[in-house]
Amino acid sequence: MADKVKVTLRKRPATQRLRVILKGMGLNKTNSTRTLSDTPATRGMIGKVSHLVTVEETK
């Protein structure tokens, strides 16, 4: 398991629920990228919006 994950927003969310999840991750605009710590909470958020983001594991 990596220490960090690099998450990039590729598509705009369709619902308010998905917008709230993305805002919690710090992703506001298309093609914005954030490096987040790899925790179960972060993985849960990524799982909810997996169709909108790309994920790269980094160290």
C-alpha atoms as a PDB file:
ATOM      1  CA  MET A   1       0.000   0.000   0.000  1.00  0.00           C
ATOM      2  CA  ALA A   2       1.336   3.414  -0.955  1.00  0.00           C
ATOM      3  CA  ASP A   3       1.772   6.264   1.495  1.00  0.00           C
ATOM      4  CA  LYS A   4       0.077   8.800  -0.795  1.00  0.00           C
ATOM      5  CA  VAL A   5      -2.356   8.769  -3.689  1.00  0.00           C
ATOM      6  CA  LYS A   6      -2.499  11.329  -6.473  1.00  0.00           C
ATOM      7  CA  VAL A   7      -6.121  11.995  -7.479  1.00  0.00           C
ATOM      8  CA  THR A   8      -7.095  13.922 -10.629  1.00  0.00           C
ATOM      9  CA  LEU A   9     -10.640  15.026 -11.457  1.00  0.00           C
ATOM     10  CA  ARG A  10     -11.471  14.068 -15.069  1.00  0.00           C
ATOM     11  CA  LYS A  11     -15.247  14.676 -15.334  1.00  0.00           C
ATOM     12  CA  ARG A  12     -17.709  17.042 -13.670  1.00  0.00           C
ATOM     13  CA  PRO A  13     -20.098  15.522 -11.117  1.00  0.00           C
ATOM     14  CA  ALA A  14     -23.791  15.304 -11.966  1.00  0.00           C
ATOM     15  CA  THR A  15     -25.255  15.416  -8.444  1.00  0.00           C
ATOM     16  CA  GLN A  16     -24.819  17.552  -5.359  1.00  0.00           C
ATOM     17  CA  ARG A  17     -23.766  14.496  -3.328  1.00  0.00           C
ATOM     18  CA  LEU A  18     -20.790  13.854  -5.620  1.00  0.00           C
ATOM     19  CA  ARG A  19     -19.850  17.561  -5.576  1.00  0.00           C
ATOM     20  CA  VAL A  20     -19.679  17.470  -1.772  1.00  0.00           C
ATOM     21  CA  ILE A  21     -17.423  14.399  -1.815  1.00  0.00           C
ATOM     22  CA  LEU A  22     -15.082  15.996  -4.367  1.00  0.00           C
ATOM     23  CA  LYS A  23     -14.969  19.252  -2.419  1.00  0.00           C
ATOM     24  CA  GLY A  24     -13.996  17.261   0.682  1.00  0.00           C
ATOM     25  CA  MET A  25     -11.102  15.837  -1.293  1.00  0.00           C
ATOM     26  CA  GLY A  26     -10.087  19.326  -2.468  1.00  0.00           C
ATOM     27  CA  LEU A  27     -10.998  18.793  -6.116  1.00  0.00           C
ATOM     28  CA  ASN A  28     -12.969  21.724  -7.520  1.00  0.00           C
ATOM     29  CA  LYS A  29     -12.230  22.074 -11.232  1.00  0.00           C
ATOM     30  CA  THR A  30     -11.721  19.582 -14.038  1.00  0.00           C
ATOM     31  CA  ASN A  31      -8.090  18.431 -14.308  1.00  0.00           C
ATOM     32  CA  SER A  32      -7.283  19.601 -10.772  1.00  0.00           C
ATOM     33  CA  THR A  33      -4.926  17.266  -8.905  1.00  0.00           C
ATOM     34  CA  ARG A  34      -4.372  16.621  -5.207  1.00  0.00           C
ATOM     35  CA  THR A  35      -1.972  14.359  -3.355  1.00  0.00           C
ATOM     36  CA  LEU A  36      -3.760  12.802  -0.388  1.00  0.00           C
ATOM     37  CA  SER A  37      -2.678  10.423   2.343  1.00  0.00           C
ATOM     38  CA  ASP A  38      -3.752   6.837   1.725  1.00  0.00           C
ATOM     39  CA  THR A  39      -6.277   6.182   4.501  1.00  0.00           C
ATOM     40  CA  PRO A  40      -9.475   4.128   4.585  1.00  0.00           C
ATOM     41  CA  ALA A  41     -11.518   7.355   4.595  1.00  0.00           C
ATOM     42  CA  THR A  42      -9.763   8.626   1.479  1.00  0.00           C
ATOM     43  CA  ARG A  43     -10.186   5.263  -0.250  1.00  0.00           C
ATOM     44  CA  GLY A  44     -13.906   5.351   0.581  1.00  0.00           C
ATOM     45  CA  MET A  45     -14.301   8.778  -1.015  1.00  0.00           C
ATOM     46  CA  ILE A  46     -12.338   7.630  -4.077  1.00  0.00           C
ATOM     47  CA  GLY A  47     -14.621   4.604  -4.347  1.00  0.00           C
ATOM     48  CA  LYS A  48     -17.719   6.811  -4.456  1.00  0.00           C
ATOM     49  CA  VAL A  49     -16.362   8.986  -7.284  1.00  0.00           C
ATOM     50  CA  SER A  50     -14.174   6.436  -9.076  1.00  0.00           C
ATOM     51  CA  HIS A  51     -15.975   7.066 -12.395  1.00  0.00           C
ATOM     52  CA  LEU A  52     -14.958  10.760 -12.248  1.00  0.00           C
ATOM     53  CA  VAL A  53     -11.311  10.558 -11.158  1.00  0.00           C
ATOM     54  CA  THR A  54      -8.042   8.854 -11.981  1.00  0.00           C
ATOM     55  CA  VAL A  55      -5.822   7.588  -9.169  1.00  0.00           C
ATOM     56  CA  GLU A  56      -2.054   7.036  -9.063  1.00  0.00           C
ATOM     57  CA  GLU A  57      -0.278   5.527  -6.085  1.00  0.00           C
ATOM     58  CA  THR A  58       2.867   7.384  -5.061  1.00  0.00           C
ATOM     59  CA  LYS A  59       5.358   7.184  -2.213  1.00  0.00           C
END
